[in-house]
Amino acid sequence: MDQVVINWGLAVISGLIGFWVKVMWEELKSLRKADTELADKVGKIEVLVAGKYVTREEFDKAVNRIFVKLDTIELHLTGKDRSS
C-alpha cells in the first residue's frame, strides 16, 4: 500500500511539473512572437522617420530664398537711411 501512495504522489508531482513546464513554454513562445512584432514595428518607424528628412538641395533652396529676402530688406533699409 505504501508503494501505491508513493507512486500516486510522484505521478501528481510529475503531472504538476509537466503542466508548469508546458505553461512556461507557451508563455515563452508568446513572448518571442511579441518581441518579433515589436521589432518589426520599430523597423517600420525607423523607415518612416528616415524617409521624411529634408534633402540637402531642398535645404539650400530654402536658405537661398531667405537670404534673397534678407538682401531685399537690407536694400530697403539702406535706401531709407540715405533718404532721411
Protein backbone atom coordinates (compact mmCIF):
# COMPACT_ATOMS: atom_id res chain seq x y z
CA MET A 1 0.00 0.00 0.00
CA ASP A 2 2.85 2.41 0.77
CA GLN A 3 4.35 1.98 -2.71
CA VAL A 4 0.98 2.83 -4.31
CA VAL A 5 0.81 6.10 -2.35
CA ILE A 6 4.37 6.96 -3.33
CA ASN A 7 3.62 6.16 -6.99
CA TRP A 8 0.50 8.32 -6.95
CA GLY A 9 2.37 11.14 -5.23
CA LEU A 10 5.14 11.02 -7.79
CA ALA A 11 2.57 10.92 -10.61
CA VAL A 12 0.81 14.00 -9.25
CA ILE A 13 4.08 15.87 -8.76
CA SER A 14 5.27 14.88 -12.26
CA GLY A 15 1.94 15.99 -13.71
CA LEU A 16 2.16 19.36 -11.96
CA ILE A 17 5.76 19.86 -13.12
CA GLY A 18 4.79 18.88 -16.66
CA PHE A 19 1.85 21.31 -16.62
CA TRP A 20 4.09 24.10 -15.29
CA VAL A 21 6.72 23.42 -17.99
CA LYS A 22 4.01 23.48 -20.68
CA VAL A 23 2.64 26.81 -19.41
CA MET A 24 6.14 28.31 -19.29
CA TRP A 25 6.87 27.06 -22.83
CA GLU A 26 3.66 28.64 -24.17
CA GLU A 27 4.48 31.93 -22.45
CA LEU A 28 7.98 31.86 -23.91
CA LYS A 29 6.56 31.32 -27.39
CA SER A 30 4.11 34.22 -26.97
CA LEU A 31 6.91 36.49 -25.72
CA ARG A 32 9.07 35.60 -28.70
CA LYS A 33 6.18 36.40 -31.05
CA ALA A 34 5.52 39.72 -29.31
CA ASP A 35 9.24 40.56 -29.49
CA THR A 36 9.30 39.86 -33.23
CA GLU A 37 6.21 42.01 -33.80
CA LEU A 38 7.69 44.83 -31.75
CA ALA A 39 10.98 44.67 -33.64
CA ASP A 40 9.05 44.87 -36.94
CA LYS A 41 7.12 47.92 -35.72
CA VAL A 42 10.32 49.66 -34.63
CA GLY A 43 11.87 48.92 -38.02
CA LYS A 44 8.88 50.47 -39.79
CA ILE A 45 9.08 53.56 -37.59
CA GLU A 46 12.77 53.97 -38.43
CA VAL A 47 11.92 53.83 -42.14
CA LEU A 48 9.19 56.45 -41.71
CA VAL A 49 11.45 58.82 -39.81
CA ALA A 50 14.36 58.40 -42.21
CA GLY A 51 12.08 58.98 -45.20
CA LYS A 52 10.96 62.44 -44.05
CA TYR A 53 14.31 64.19 -43.75
CA VAL A 54 14.89 67.34 -45.78
CA THR A 55 17.30 66.80 -48.60
CA ARG A 56 20.37 68.98 -48.98
CA GLU A 57 19.01 70.55 -52.17
CA GLU A 58 15.69 71.49 -50.55
CA PHE A 59 17.52 72.99 -47.58
CA ASP A 60 19.82 75.00 -49.85
CA LYS A 61 16.85 76.33 -51.83
CA ALA A 62 15.03 77.41 -48.67
CA VAL A 63 18.12 79.10 -47.24
CA ASN A 64 18.79 80.89 -50.53
CA ARG A 65 15.20 82.21 -50.60
CA ILE A 66 15.63 83.50 -47.06
CA PHE A 67 18.89 85.25 -47.96
CA VAL A 68 17.29 86.83 -51.05
CA LYS A 69 14.50 88.22 -48.87
CA LEU A 70 17.03 89.45 -46.30
CA ASP A 71 19.02 91.15 -49.05
CA THR A 72 15.84 92.84 -50.28
CA ILE A 73 15.03 94.03 -46.76
CA GLU A 74 18.58 95.31 -46.36
CA LEU A 75 18.33 97.24 -49.62
CA HIS A 76 15.07 98.83 -48.49
CA LEU A 77 16.53 99.75 -45.11
CA THR A 78 19.73 101.22 -46.57
CA GLY A 79 17.61 103.20 -49.03
CA LYS A 80 15.59 104.65 -46.17
CA ASP A 81 18.74 105.59 -44.24
CA ARG A 82 20.08 107.56 -47.20
CA SER A 83 16.79 109.36 -47.83
CA SER A 84 16.40 110.51 -44.22
